[in-house]
Amino acid sequence: MTSCHRPPFIKRLLTYLRLFSLPLLLCGIWLLARHLQLLDSMTEEWMDTHIRNTGWQGLLLYIGVTGVLTACGIPRQICAFLGGYVFGALAGALLATIGTIIGCTATFSYARFLGRHWLEQRFAPQCLLMNTFIGQSPFLLVFATRIVPLGSNFLTNLIAGISRIAARSFLGASALGFLAQNTIFAMLGSGLQLESSLQTLLATLFYVISLGI
């Protein structure tokens, strides 16, 4: 039976399943994370036990945990801080960015393949306005939202997924913005003491760049 010949109640049922699949999926991931004690991984003690001095296994585990947690909305700054604590400033920033991009891609892809078509049908004027705004400078717009640690990374991924922004532009701009922010927090996690004046200067610089874009 093709989609065009499905009874109306079947179409509505499938629509509701798609809409509620995200909260159900998040609840499932949350329960799995609790069962595997992933929520306890964002501590220095857990990192020392399971990540530090464990070679490639620990490195891949850190990236995977970072991807899962950031996909669920856990602040990426925490992951970057702990990445710097274990791997050092440069490696910690790079690994945290890889993990964050994995989580970002998961949320973005979910919204794009399961939510965009329905929303464009139900809220066509709003979606057109959103896509017109984003389409002016998609790469710069995403980069500006990433370099300033404000707002919800999770919601940004969902909004981008239901928009018409190209995946390459979104993920490329996100990676650059994530790397800029993750570098600062990885430096702090590595024990590198940044003077408060330097921290303020960097935060102000990122904010001015964001406003300029």
N, C-alpha and C. Protein backbone atom coordinates (compact mmCIF):
# COMPACT_ATOMS: atom_id res chain seq x y z
N MET A 1 0.85 -1.20 0.00
CA MET A 1 0.00 0.00 0.00
C MET A 1 0.88 1.24 0.00
N THR A 2 0.72 2.09 -1.01
CA THR A 2 1.51 3.30 -1.11
C THR A 2 0.98 4.35 -0.16
N SER A 3 1.81 5.41 0.07
CA SER A 3 1.42 6.46 1.02
C SER A 3 0.19 7.21 0.56
N CYS A 4 0.01 7.34 -0.77
CA CYS A 4 -1.13 8.11 -1.26
C CYS A 4 -2.44 7.35 -1.11
N HIS A 5 -2.39 6.00 -0.92
CA HIS A 5 -3.60 5.20 -0.77
C HIS A 5 -3.85 4.79 0.68
N ARG A 6 -3.10 5.32 1.61
CA ARG A 6 -3.32 4.99 3.00
C ARG A 6 -4.58 5.69 3.51
N PRO A 7 -5.33 5.03 4.38
CA PRO A 7 -6.50 5.68 4.98
C PRO A 7 -6.08 6.92 5.77
N PRO A 8 -6.98 7.89 5.91
CA PRO A 8 -6.63 9.13 6.63
C PRO A 8 -6.16 8.90 8.05
N PHE A 9 -6.80 7.94 8.76
CA PHE A 9 -6.42 7.75 10.16
C PHE A 9 -5.01 7.16 10.25
N ILE A 10 -4.61 6.37 9.25
CA ILE A 10 -3.25 5.83 9.23
C ILE A 10 -2.25 6.97 9.01
N LYS A 11 -2.56 7.90 8.13
CA LYS A 11 -1.69 9.04 7.89
C LYS A 11 -1.53 9.89 9.15
N ARG A 12 -2.66 10.12 9.85
CA ARG A 12 -2.60 10.91 11.08
C ARG A 12 -1.77 10.18 12.14
N LEU A 13 -1.97 8.86 12.22
CA LEU A 13 -1.22 8.08 13.21
C LEU A 13 0.29 8.17 12.93
N LEU A 14 0.66 8.04 11.67
CA LEU A 14 2.08 8.13 11.32
C LEU A 14 2.63 9.52 11.61
N THR A 15 1.80 10.54 11.38
CA THR A 15 2.24 11.91 11.66
C THR A 15 2.51 12.10 13.14
N TYR A 16 1.58 11.62 13.97
CA TYR A 16 1.76 11.76 15.42
C TYR A 16 2.96 10.96 15.92
N LEU A 17 3.17 9.78 15.32
CA LEU A 17 4.33 8.99 15.72
C LEU A 17 5.63 9.72 15.40
N ARG A 18 5.66 10.37 14.26
CA ARG A 18 6.86 11.13 13.90
C ARG A 18 7.07 12.31 14.84
N LEU A 19 5.97 12.98 15.19
CA LEU A 19 6.09 14.15 16.06
C LEU A 19 6.54 13.77 17.47
N PHE A 20 5.99 12.68 17.98
CA PHE A 20 6.32 12.28 19.35
C PHE A 20 7.54 11.37 19.43
N SER A 21 8.10 11.04 18.28
CA SER A 21 9.27 10.16 18.31
C SER A 21 10.48 10.85 18.93
N LEU A 22 10.58 12.18 18.78
CA LEU A 22 11.72 12.89 19.36
C LEU A 22 11.71 12.84 20.88
N PRO A 23 10.61 13.26 21.56
CA PRO A 23 10.63 13.15 23.03
C PRO A 23 10.78 11.70 23.51
N LEU A 24 10.18 10.76 22.78
CA LEU A 24 10.33 9.36 23.17
C LEU A 24 11.78 8.90 23.01
N LEU A 25 12.40 9.32 21.92
CA LEU A 25 13.80 8.96 21.70
C LEU A 25 14.70 9.57 22.76
N LEU A 26 14.45 10.83 23.10
CA LEU A 26 15.26 11.49 24.12
C LEU A 26 15.09 10.81 25.47
N CYS A 27 13.86 10.42 25.79
CA CYS A 27 13.64 9.70 27.05
C CYS A 27 14.39 8.37 27.06
N GLY A 28 14.37 7.68 25.91
CA GLY A 28 15.09 6.42 25.81
C GLY A 28 16.58 6.61 25.98
N ILE A 29 17.12 7.65 25.33
CA ILE A 29 18.55 7.93 25.46
C ILE A 29 18.90 8.30 26.89
N TRP A 30 18.03 9.07 27.52
CA TRP A 30 18.26 9.49 28.90
C TRP A 30 18.30 8.29 29.84
N LEU A 31 17.33 7.36 29.66
CA LEU A 31 17.31 6.17 30.50
C LEU A 31 18.53 5.29 30.25
N LEU A 32 18.91 5.17 28.97
CA LEU A 32 20.10 4.38 28.65
C LEU A 32 21.35 5.01 29.24
N ALA A 33 21.42 6.35 29.16
CA ALA A 33 22.58 7.04 29.72
C ALA A 33 22.65 6.85 31.23
N ARG A 34 21.51 6.85 31.89
CA ARG A 34 21.50 6.61 33.33
C ARG A 34 21.91 5.18 33.64
N HIS A 35 21.42 4.24 32.83
CA HIS A 35 21.77 2.84 33.07
C HIS A 35 23.27 2.60 32.88
N LEU A 36 23.85 3.24 31.88
CA LEU A 36 25.29 3.09 31.61
C LEU A 36 26.14 4.06 32.42
N GLN A 37 25.46 4.89 33.25
CA GLN A 37 26.14 5.87 34.10
C GLN A 37 26.91 6.90 33.28
N LEU A 38 26.40 7.19 32.09
CA LEU A 38 27.05 8.22 31.27
C LEU A 38 26.87 9.60 31.89
N LEU A 39 25.77 9.78 32.62
CA LEU A 39 25.54 11.09 33.24
C LEU A 39 26.56 11.38 34.32
N ASP A 40 27.18 10.33 34.84
CA ASP A 40 28.23 10.52 35.85
C ASP A 40 29.60 10.71 35.22
N SER A 41 29.66 10.65 33.88
CA SER A 41 30.96 10.74 33.22
C SER A 41 31.49 12.16 33.19
N MET A 42 30.65 13.13 33.43
CA MET A 42 31.11 14.50 33.38
C MET A 42 31.69 14.93 34.72
N THR A 43 32.58 14.12 35.23
CA THR A 43 33.32 14.45 36.45
C THR A 43 34.78 14.12 36.22
N GLU A 44 35.65 14.78 36.97
CA GLU A 44 37.07 14.54 36.82
C GLU A 44 37.44 13.13 37.26
N GLU A 45 36.75 12.60 38.30
CA GLU A 45 37.05 11.26 38.77
C GLU A 45 36.74 10.21 37.71
N TRP A 46 35.60 10.33 37.05
CA TRP A 46 35.24 9.37 36.01
C TRP A 46 36.23 9.44 34.85
N MET A 47 36.62 10.64 34.50
CA MET A 47 37.58 10.82 33.41
C MET A 47 38.92 10.19 33.76
N ASP A 48 39.35 10.35 35.00
CA ASP A 48 40.62 9.75 35.42
C ASP A 48 40.57 8.22 35.36
N THR A 49 39.41 7.66 35.69
CA THR A 49 39.28 6.20 35.75
C THR A 49 39.12 5.56 34.37
N HIS A 50 38.29 6.16 33.51
CA HIS A 50 37.91 5.51 32.27
C HIS A 50 38.56 6.10 31.01
N ILE A 51 39.10 7.29 31.09
CA ILE A 51 39.60 7.95 29.88
C ILE A 51 41.12 8.12 29.92
N ARG A 52 41.62 8.61 31.04
CA ARG A 52 43.05 8.93 31.11
C ARG A 52 43.89 7.66 31.00
N ASN A 53 44.92 7.73 30.18
CA ASN A 53 45.91 6.64 30.02
C ASN A 53 45.28 5.32 29.59
N THR A 54 44.20 5.39 28.80
CA THR A 54 43.58 4.16 28.28
C THR A 54 43.72 4.04 26.77
N GLY A 55 44.56 4.89 26.17
CA GLY A 55 44.83 4.78 24.74
C GLY A 55 43.64 5.14 23.87
N TRP A 56 43.58 4.44 22.71
CA TRP A 56 42.52 4.72 21.75
C TRP A 56 41.13 4.41 22.30
N GLN A 57 41.04 3.44 23.17
CA GLN A 57 39.74 3.09 23.74
C GLN A 57 39.16 4.26 24.53
N GLY A 58 39.98 4.87 25.34
CA GLY A 58 39.51 6.02 26.11
C GLY A 58 39.20 7.21 25.23
N LEU A 59 40.03 7.40 24.20
CA LEU A 59 39.81 8.52 23.28
C LEU A 59 38.47 8.38 22.57
N LEU A 60 38.19 7.19 22.04
CA LEU A 60 36.93 6.96 21.34
C LEU A 60 35.75 7.01 22.30
N LEU A 61 35.95 6.52 23.52
CA LEU A 61 34.87 6.59 24.51
C LEU A 61 34.54 8.03 24.84
N TYR A 62 35.54 8.87 24.98
CA TYR A 62 35.29 10.29 25.28
C TYR A 62 34.52 10.94 24.14
N ILE A 63 34.92 10.67 22.89
CA ILE A 63 34.22 11.26 21.75
C ILE A 63 32.77 10.78 21.71
N GLY A 64 32.56 9.47 21.94
CA GLY A 64 31.21 8.93 21.91
C GLY A 64 30.32 9.50 23.00
N VAL A 65 30.86 9.59 24.21
CA VAL A 65 30.08 10.15 25.32
C VAL A 65 29.75 11.61 25.06
N THR A 66 30.72 12.36 24.54
CA THR A 66 30.49 13.77 24.21
C THR A 66 29.40 13.89 23.16
N GLY A 67 29.43 13.02 22.14
CA GLY A 67 28.41 13.06 21.10
C GLY A 67 27.02 12.79 21.64
N VAL A 68 26.89 11.77 22.48
CA VAL A 68 25.58 11.42 23.04
C VAL A 68 25.05 12.53 23.94
N LEU A 69 25.90 13.04 24.82
CA LEU A 69 25.44 14.05 25.78
C LEU A 69 25.09 15.36 25.10
N THR A 70 25.90 15.80 24.14
CA THR A 70 25.59 17.07 23.46
C THR A 70 24.37 16.92 22.56
N ALA A 71 24.14 15.71 22.02
CA ALA A 71 22.92 15.49 21.23
C ALA A 71 21.68 15.64 22.08
N CYS A 72 21.80 15.33 23.37
CA CYS A 72 20.67 15.44 24.31
C CYS A 72 20.57 16.83 24.95
N GLY A 73 21.48 17.72 24.62
CA GLY A 73 21.39 19.08 25.14
C GLY A 73 22.32 19.42 26.28
N ILE A 74 23.21 18.49 26.68
CA ILE A 74 24.19 18.80 27.72
C ILE A 74 25.15 19.85 27.19
N PRO A 75 25.46 20.91 27.93
CA PRO A 75 26.36 21.96 27.43
C PRO A 75 27.71 21.41 26.98
N ARG A 76 28.11 21.79 25.79
CA ARG A 76 29.38 21.31 25.23
C ARG A 76 30.58 21.87 25.99
N GLN A 77 30.39 22.99 26.71
CA GLN A 77 31.50 23.58 27.43
C GLN A 77 32.02 22.65 28.53
N ILE A 78 31.11 21.89 29.14
CA ILE A 78 31.52 20.95 30.17
C ILE A 78 32.41 19.87 29.58
N CYS A 79 31.99 19.34 28.42
CA CYS A 79 32.78 18.30 27.75
C CYS A 79 34.15 18.83 27.35
N ALA A 80 34.19 20.06 26.85
CA ALA A 80 35.47 20.64 26.43
C ALA A 80 36.39 20.86 27.63
N PHE A 81 35.83 21.31 28.74
CA PHE A 81 36.62 21.52 29.95
C PHE A 81 37.27 20.22 30.40
N LEU A 82 36.49 19.14 30.43
CA LEU A 82 37.03 17.85 30.86
C LEU A 82 37.96 17.25 29.81
N GLY A 83 37.71 17.56 28.54
CA GLY A 83 38.64 17.13 27.51
C GLY A 83 40.00 17.77 27.68
N GLY A 84 40.01 19.06 28.02
CA GLY A 84 41.27 19.73 28.30
C GLY A 84 41.94 19.20 29.55
N TYR A 85 41.12 18.80 30.52
CA TYR A 85 41.65 18.25 31.78
C TYR A 85 42.42 16.96 31.54
N VAL A 86 41.94 16.12 30.60
CA VAL A 86 42.58 14.82 30.36
C VAL A 86 43.61 14.90 29.23
N PHE A 87 43.26 15.52 28.12
CA PHE A 87 44.08 15.45 26.92
C PHE A 87 44.97 16.67 26.70
N GLY A 88 44.75 17.73 27.47
CA GLY A 88 45.48 18.96 27.22
C GLY A 88 44.64 19.92 26.39
N ALA A 89 45.10 21.15 26.29
CA ALA A 89 44.29 22.20 25.67
C ALA A 89 43.98 21.93 24.21
N LEU A 90 45.02 21.69 23.40
CA LEU A 90 44.81 21.56 21.95
C LEU A 90 44.05 20.27 21.62
N ALA A 91 44.55 19.13 22.11
CA ALA A 91 43.89 17.86 21.82
C ALA A 91 42.48 17.82 22.41
N GLY A 92 42.33 18.36 23.61
CA GLY A 92 41.01 18.38 24.23
C GLY A 92 40.01 19.18 23.42
N ALA A 93 40.44 20.33 22.89
CA ALA A 93 39.55 21.15 22.08
C ALA A 93 39.15 20.43 20.79
N LEU A 94 40.11 19.78 20.14
CA LEU A 94 39.82 19.08 18.89
C LEU A 94 38.89 17.89 19.12
N LEU A 95 39.17 17.10 20.15
CA LEU A 95 38.35 15.92 20.43
C LEU A 95 36.94 16.33 20.87
N ALA A 96 36.85 17.38 21.68
CA ALA A 96 35.53 17.86 22.10
C ALA A 96 34.73 18.36 20.91
N THR A 97 35.41 19.00 19.96
CA THR A 97 34.72 19.50 18.77
C THR A 97 34.23 18.35 17.91
N ILE A 98 35.03 17.30 17.77
CA ILE A 98 34.60 16.12 17.00
C ILE A 98 33.36 15.50 17.64
N GLY A 99 33.41 15.31 18.96
CA GLY A 99 32.26 14.75 19.64
C GLY A 99 31.02 15.62 19.54
N THR A 100 31.22 16.92 19.66
CA THR A 100 30.09 17.85 19.59
C THR A 100 29.47 17.85 18.20
N ILE A 101 30.30 17.77 17.17
CA ILE A 101 29.79 17.73 15.80
C ILE A 101 28.98 16.45 15.57
N ILE A 102 29.43 15.34 16.15
CA ILE A 102 28.67 14.10 16.03
C ILE A 102 27.28 14.26 16.65
N GLY A 103 27.22 14.83 17.86
CA GLY A 103 25.93 15.07 18.50
C GLY A 103 25.08 16.06 17.72
N CYS A 104 25.73 17.09 17.21
CA CYS A 104 25.04 18.10 16.42
C CYS A 104 24.44 17.48 15.16
N THR A 105 25.22 16.65 14.49
CA THR A 105 24.75 16.00 13.26
C THR A 105 23.56 15.08 13.53
N ALA A 106 23.60 14.38 14.65
CA ALA A 106 22.50 13.47 14.99
C ALA A 106 21.19 14.23 15.17
N THR A 107 21.23 15.30 15.95
CA THR A 107 20.00 16.08 16.19
C THR A 107 19.52 16.77 14.92
N PHE A 108 20.45 17.34 14.18
CA PHE A 108 20.13 18.02 12.92
C PHE A 108 19.48 17.05 11.93
N SER A 109 20.06 15.86 11.78
CA SER A 109 19.54 14.87 10.83
C SER A 109 18.16 14.38 11.24
N TYR A 110 17.98 14.20 12.53
CA TYR A 110 16.67 13.75 13.02
C TYR A 110 15.58 14.76 12.64
N ALA A 111 15.84 16.04 12.91
CA ALA A 111 14.85 17.06 12.60
C ALA A 111 14.63 17.18 11.09
N ARG A 112 15.69 17.04 10.32
CA ARG A 112 15.56 17.21 8.87
C ARG A 112 14.74 16.09 8.24
N PHE A 113 14.96 14.87 8.64
CA PHE A 113 14.31 13.75 7.96
C PHE A 113 12.96 13.38 8.56
N LEU A 114 12.68 13.85 9.77
CA LEU A 114 11.42 13.47 10.40
C LEU A 114 10.48 14.64 10.69
N GLY A 115 10.99 15.86 10.67
CA GLY A 115 10.15 16.97 11.07
C GLY A 115 9.91 18.05 10.03
N ARG A 116 10.83 18.20 9.08
CA ARG A 116 10.75 19.36 8.19
C ARG A 116 9.52 19.31 7.28
N HIS A 117 9.23 18.17 6.68
CA HIS A 117 8.12 18.09 5.73
C HIS A 117 6.79 18.43 6.39
N TRP A 118 6.57 17.89 7.59
CA TRP A 118 5.30 18.15 8.29
C TRP A 118 5.17 19.62 8.66
N LEU A 119 6.26 20.20 9.18
CA LEU A 119 6.19 21.60 9.59
C LEU A 119 6.00 22.53 8.41
N GLU A 120 6.62 22.22 7.29
CA GLU A 120 6.45 23.07 6.11
C GLU A 120 5.02 23.02 5.59
N GLN A 121 4.35 21.91 5.79
CA GLN A 121 2.95 21.81 5.38
C GLN A 121 2.03 22.57 6.33
N ARG A 122 2.29 22.47 7.61
CA ARG A 122 1.40 23.08 8.60
C ARG A 122 1.69 24.55 8.83
N PHE A 123 2.93 24.97 8.70
CA PHE A 123 3.32 26.35 9.01
C PHE A 123 4.12 26.93 7.84
N ALA A 124 3.53 26.89 6.68
CA ALA A 124 4.21 27.33 5.46
C ALA A 124 4.68 28.79 5.53
N PRO A 125 3.83 29.76 5.95
CA PRO A 125 4.31 31.16 5.99
C PRO A 125 5.49 31.35 6.95
N GLN A 126 5.40 30.74 8.13
CA GLN A 126 6.48 30.89 9.11
C GLN A 126 7.77 30.25 8.60
N CYS A 127 7.65 29.08 7.99
CA CYS A 127 8.84 28.40 7.47
C CYS A 127 9.46 29.20 6.33
N LEU A 128 8.62 29.81 5.50
CA LEU A 128 9.14 30.63 4.41
C LEU A 128 9.90 31.83 4.95
N LEU A 129 9.34 32.47 5.99
CA LEU A 129 10.02 33.61 6.60
C LEU A 129 11.35 33.19 7.22
N MET A 130 11.34 32.06 7.91
CA MET A 130 12.57 31.57 8.54
C MET A 130 13.63 31.24 7.49
N ASN A 131 13.24 30.57 6.44
CA ASN A 131 14.20 30.19 5.41
C ASN A 131 14.73 31.40 4.65
N THR A 132 13.89 32.40 4.49
CA THR A 132 14.34 33.63 3.83
C THR A 132 15.40 34.33 4.67
N PHE A 133 15.17 34.36 5.99
CA PHE A 133 16.13 35.00 6.89
C PHE A 133 17.45 34.22 6.93
N ILE A 134 17.34 32.91 7.10
CA ILE A 134 18.55 32.09 7.19
C ILE A 134 19.30 32.06 5.87
N GLY A 135 18.55 32.11 4.77
CA GLY A 135 19.18 31.99 3.45
C GLY A 135 20.02 33.18 3.04
N GLN A 136 19.94 34.30 3.75
CA GLN A 136 20.72 35.47 3.38
C GLN A 136 22.22 35.21 3.56
N SER A 137 22.61 34.70 4.71
CA SER A 137 24.02 34.38 4.99
C SER A 137 24.05 33.19 5.95
N PRO A 138 23.73 32.00 5.47
CA PRO A 138 23.59 30.85 6.38
C PRO A 138 24.87 30.51 7.12
N PHE A 139 26.00 30.53 6.44
CA PHE A 139 27.26 30.15 7.10
C PHE A 139 27.60 31.13 8.21
N LEU A 140 27.54 32.42 7.92
CA LEU A 140 27.88 33.43 8.92
C LEU A 140 26.89 33.44 10.07
N LEU A 141 25.63 33.21 9.77
CA LEU A 141 24.61 33.22 10.82
C LEU A 141 24.85 32.09 11.81
N VAL A 142 25.13 30.90 11.30
CA VAL A 142 25.38 29.76 12.18
C VAL A 142 26.67 29.98 12.98
N PHE A 143 27.69 30.48 12.32
CA PHE A 143 28.96 30.73 13.01
C PHE A 143 28.77 31.73 14.14
N ALA A 144 27.96 32.75 13.90
CA ALA A 144 27.73 33.77 14.92
C ALA A 144 27.02 33.20 16.13
N THR A 145 26.10 32.24 15.92
CA THR A 145 25.39 31.65 17.05
C THR A 145 26.26 30.66 17.82
N ARG A 146 27.30 30.15 17.18
CA ARG A 146 28.13 29.14 17.83
C ARG A 146 29.26 29.73 18.66
N ILE A 147 29.80 30.87 18.26
CA ILE A 147 30.97 31.39 18.97
C ILE A 147 30.58 32.09 20.27
N VAL A 148 29.31 32.37 20.45
CA VAL A 148 28.84 32.96 21.70
C VAL A 148 28.07 31.88 22.46
N PRO A 149 28.50 31.50 23.67
CA PRO A 149 27.88 30.39 24.41
C PRO A 149 26.56 30.79 25.04
N LEU A 150 25.65 31.28 24.22
CA LEU A 150 24.32 31.66 24.70
C LEU A 150 23.27 30.84 23.96
N GLY A 151 22.13 30.67 24.56
CA GLY A 151 21.06 29.93 23.92
C GLY A 151 21.26 28.43 24.04
N SER A 152 20.41 27.69 23.37
CA SER A 152 20.40 26.24 23.45
C SER A 152 20.99 25.64 22.19
N ASN A 153 22.07 24.89 22.34
CA ASN A 153 22.67 24.19 21.22
C ASN A 153 21.69 23.18 20.63
N PHE A 154 20.93 22.53 21.49
CA PHE A 154 19.96 21.53 21.06
C PHE A 154 18.88 22.17 20.18
N LEU A 155 18.32 23.29 20.61
CA LEU A 155 17.28 23.95 19.84
C LEU A 155 17.82 24.50 18.52
N THR A 156 19.06 24.99 18.55
CA THR A 156 19.67 25.49 17.32
C THR A 156 19.78 24.37 16.29
N ASN A 157 20.17 23.18 16.73
CA ASN A 157 20.27 22.04 15.82
C ASN A 157 18.91 21.67 15.25
N LEU A 158 17.88 21.70 16.09
CA LEU A 158 16.54 21.35 15.62
C LEU A 158 16.02 22.37 14.61
N ILE A 159 16.22 23.66 14.91
CA ILE A 159 15.74 24.70 14.00
C ILE A 159 16.46 24.60 12.66
N ALA A 160 17.77 24.37 12.70
CA ALA A 160 18.52 24.22 11.45
C ALA A 160 18.04 23.01 10.66
N GLY A 161 17.68 21.94 11.39
CA GLY A 161 17.23 20.73 10.72
C GLY A 161 15.92 20.93 9.97
N ILE A 162 15.02 21.72 10.51
CA ILE A 162 13.73 21.92 9.84
C ILE A 162 13.79 23.08 8.84
N SER A 163 14.91 23.77 8.77
CA SER A 163 15.07 24.84 7.80
C SER A 163 15.62 24.27 6.49
N ARG A 164 15.85 25.16 5.53
CA ARG A 164 16.39 24.76 4.23
C ARG A 164 17.89 24.98 4.13
N ILE A 165 18.55 25.24 5.23
CA ILE A 165 19.98 25.46 5.19
C ILE A 165 20.70 24.19 4.76
N ALA A 166 21.74 24.34 3.95
CA ALA A 166 22.49 23.18 3.48
C ALA A 166 23.25 22.56 4.65
N ALA A 167 23.25 21.25 4.71
CA ALA A 167 23.93 20.55 5.80
C ALA A 167 25.41 20.89 5.83
N ARG A 168 26.04 21.04 4.68
CA ARG A 168 27.47 21.34 4.63
C ARG A 168 27.76 22.69 5.26
N SER A 169 26.96 23.70 4.95
CA SER A 169 27.17 25.03 5.53
C SER A 169 26.93 25.01 7.03
N PHE A 170 25.86 24.33 7.45
CA PHE A 170 25.53 24.29 8.87
C PHE A 170 26.62 23.60 9.68
N LEU A 171 27.04 22.43 9.23
CA LEU A 171 28.03 21.67 9.99
C LEU A 171 29.41 22.32 9.93
N GLY A 172 29.76 22.91 8.79
CA GLY A 172 31.05 23.58 8.68
C GLY A 172 31.15 24.80 9.58
N ALA A 173 30.11 25.64 9.57
CA ALA A 173 30.10 26.82 10.44
C ALA A 173 30.04 26.41 11.91
N SER A 174 29.28 25.36 12.21
CA SER A 174 29.20 24.88 13.59
C SER A 174 30.56 24.40 14.07
N ALA A 175 31.28 23.68 13.23
CA ALA A 175 32.59 23.16 13.63
C ALA A 175 33.55 24.29 13.97
N LEU A 176 33.57 25.34 13.16
CA LEU A 176 34.46 26.47 13.44
C LEU A 176 34.07 27.18 14.73
N GLY A 177 32.76 27.40 14.90
CA GLY A 177 32.32 28.05 16.12
C GLY A 177 32.55 27.21 17.36
N PHE A 178 32.29 25.91 17.25
CA PHE A 178 32.55 25.01 18.38
C PHE A 178 34.03 25.02 18.75
N LEU A 179 34.89 24.98 17.74
CA LEU A 179 36.33 24.92 18.00
C LEU A 179 36.79 26.16 18.75
N ALA A 180 36.26 27.32 18.36
CA ALA A 180 36.65 28.56 19.04
C ALA A 180 36.26 28.53 20.52
N GLN A 181 35.03 28.12 20.81
CA GLN A 181 34.58 28.06 22.20
C GLN A 181 35.25 26.92 22.97
N ASN A 182 35.36 25.76 22.33
CA ASN A 182 35.95 24.62 23.01
C ASN A 182 37.41 24.85 23.38
N THR A 183 38.11 25.62 22.55
CA THR A 183 39.52 25.90 22.84
C THR A 183 39.66 26.64 24.16
N ILE A 184 38.80 27.60 24.40
CA ILE A 184 38.87 28.37 25.65
C ILE A 184 38.61 27.47 26.85
N PHE A 185 37.55 26.66 26.77
CA PHE A 185 37.21 25.82 27.92
C PHE A 185 38.20 24.68 28.09
N ALA A 186 38.77 24.18 27.00
CA ALA A 186 39.80 23.15 27.12
C ALA A 186 41.06 23.73 27.76
N MET A 187 41.37 24.97 27.45
CA MET A 187 42.52 25.63 28.08
C MET A 187 42.30 25.75 29.58
N LEU A 188 41.09 26.11 29.96
CA LEU A 188 40.78 26.22 31.39
C LEU A 188 40.85 24.84 32.06
N GLY A 189 40.34 23.82 31.38
CA GLY A 189 40.37 22.48 31.94
C GLY A 189 41.77 21.91 32.06
N SER A 190 42.66 22.31 31.17
CA SER A 190 44.03 21.80 31.20
C SER A 190 44.85 22.40 32.34
N GLY A 191 44.28 23.40 33.01
CA GLY A 191 45.00 24.03 34.11
C GLY A 191 45.73 25.29 33.69
N LEU A 192 45.61 25.64 32.42
CA LEU A 192 46.25 26.86 31.95
C LEU A 192 45.50 28.05 32.52
N GLN A 193 46.18 28.83 33.30
CA GLN A 193 45.53 29.94 33.98
C GLN A 193 45.39 31.14 33.03
N LEU A 194 44.16 31.45 32.73
CA LEU A 194 43.89 32.64 31.95
C LEU A 194 43.50 33.77 32.89
N GLU A 195 44.17 34.87 32.76
CA GLU A 195 43.82 36.02 33.60
C GLU A 195 42.38 36.43 33.31
N SER A 196 41.72 36.91 34.35
CA SER A 196 40.32 37.31 34.20
C SER A 196 40.16 38.37 33.13
N SER A 197 41.15 39.23 33.00
CA SER A 197 41.07 40.27 31.97
C SER A 197 41.12 39.66 30.57
N LEU A 198 41.94 38.59 30.39
CA LEU A 198 42.02 37.92 29.10
C LEU A 198 40.73 37.19 28.79
N GLN A 199 40.16 36.54 29.80
CA GLN A 199 38.89 35.85 29.60
C GLN A 199 37.80 36.84 29.18
N THR A 200 37.77 37.97 29.86
CA THR A 200 36.78 39.00 29.52
C THR A 200 37.00 39.53 28.11
N LEU A 201 38.28 39.70 27.75
CA LEU A 201 38.61 40.21 26.41
C LEU A 201 38.16 39.23 25.34
N LEU A 202 38.42 37.93 25.54
CA LEU A 202 38.03 36.94 24.55
C LEU A 202 36.51 36.85 24.43
N ALA A 203 35.82 36.86 25.58
CA ALA A 203 34.36 36.80 25.55
C ALA A 203 33.78 38.02 24.82
N THR A 204 34.35 39.18 25.11
CA THR A 204 33.88 40.41 24.45
C THR A 204 34.16 40.36 22.96
N LEU A 205 35.35 39.84 22.60
CA LEU A 205 35.71 39.75 21.19
C LEU A 205 34.74 38.86 20.44
N PHE A 206 34.43 37.69 20.99
CA PHE A 206 33.49 36.79 20.33
C PHE A 206 32.11 37.42 20.21
N TYR A 207 31.72 38.16 21.25
CA TYR A 207 30.40 38.79 21.23
C TYR A 207 30.34 39.89 20.16
N VAL A 208 31.41 40.67 20.05
CA VAL A 208 31.45 41.74 19.04
C VAL A 208 31.44 41.14 17.63
N ILE A 209 32.21 40.06 17.45
CA ILE A 209 32.22 39.39 16.15
C ILE A 209 30.83 38.89 15.81
N SER A 210 30.16 38.30 16.79
CA SER A 210 28.82 37.79 16.57
C SER A 210 27.85 38.92 16.19
N LEU A 211 27.93 40.03 16.90
CA LEU A 211 27.07 41.17 16.58
C LEU A 211 27.38 41.72 15.20
N GLY A 212 28.69 41.78 14.86
CA GLY A 212 29.08 42.28 13.56
C GLY A 212 28.52 41.42 12.43
N ILE A 213 28.61 40.09 12.62
CA ILE A 213 28.08 39.18 11.59
C ILE A 213 26.57 39.33 11.48
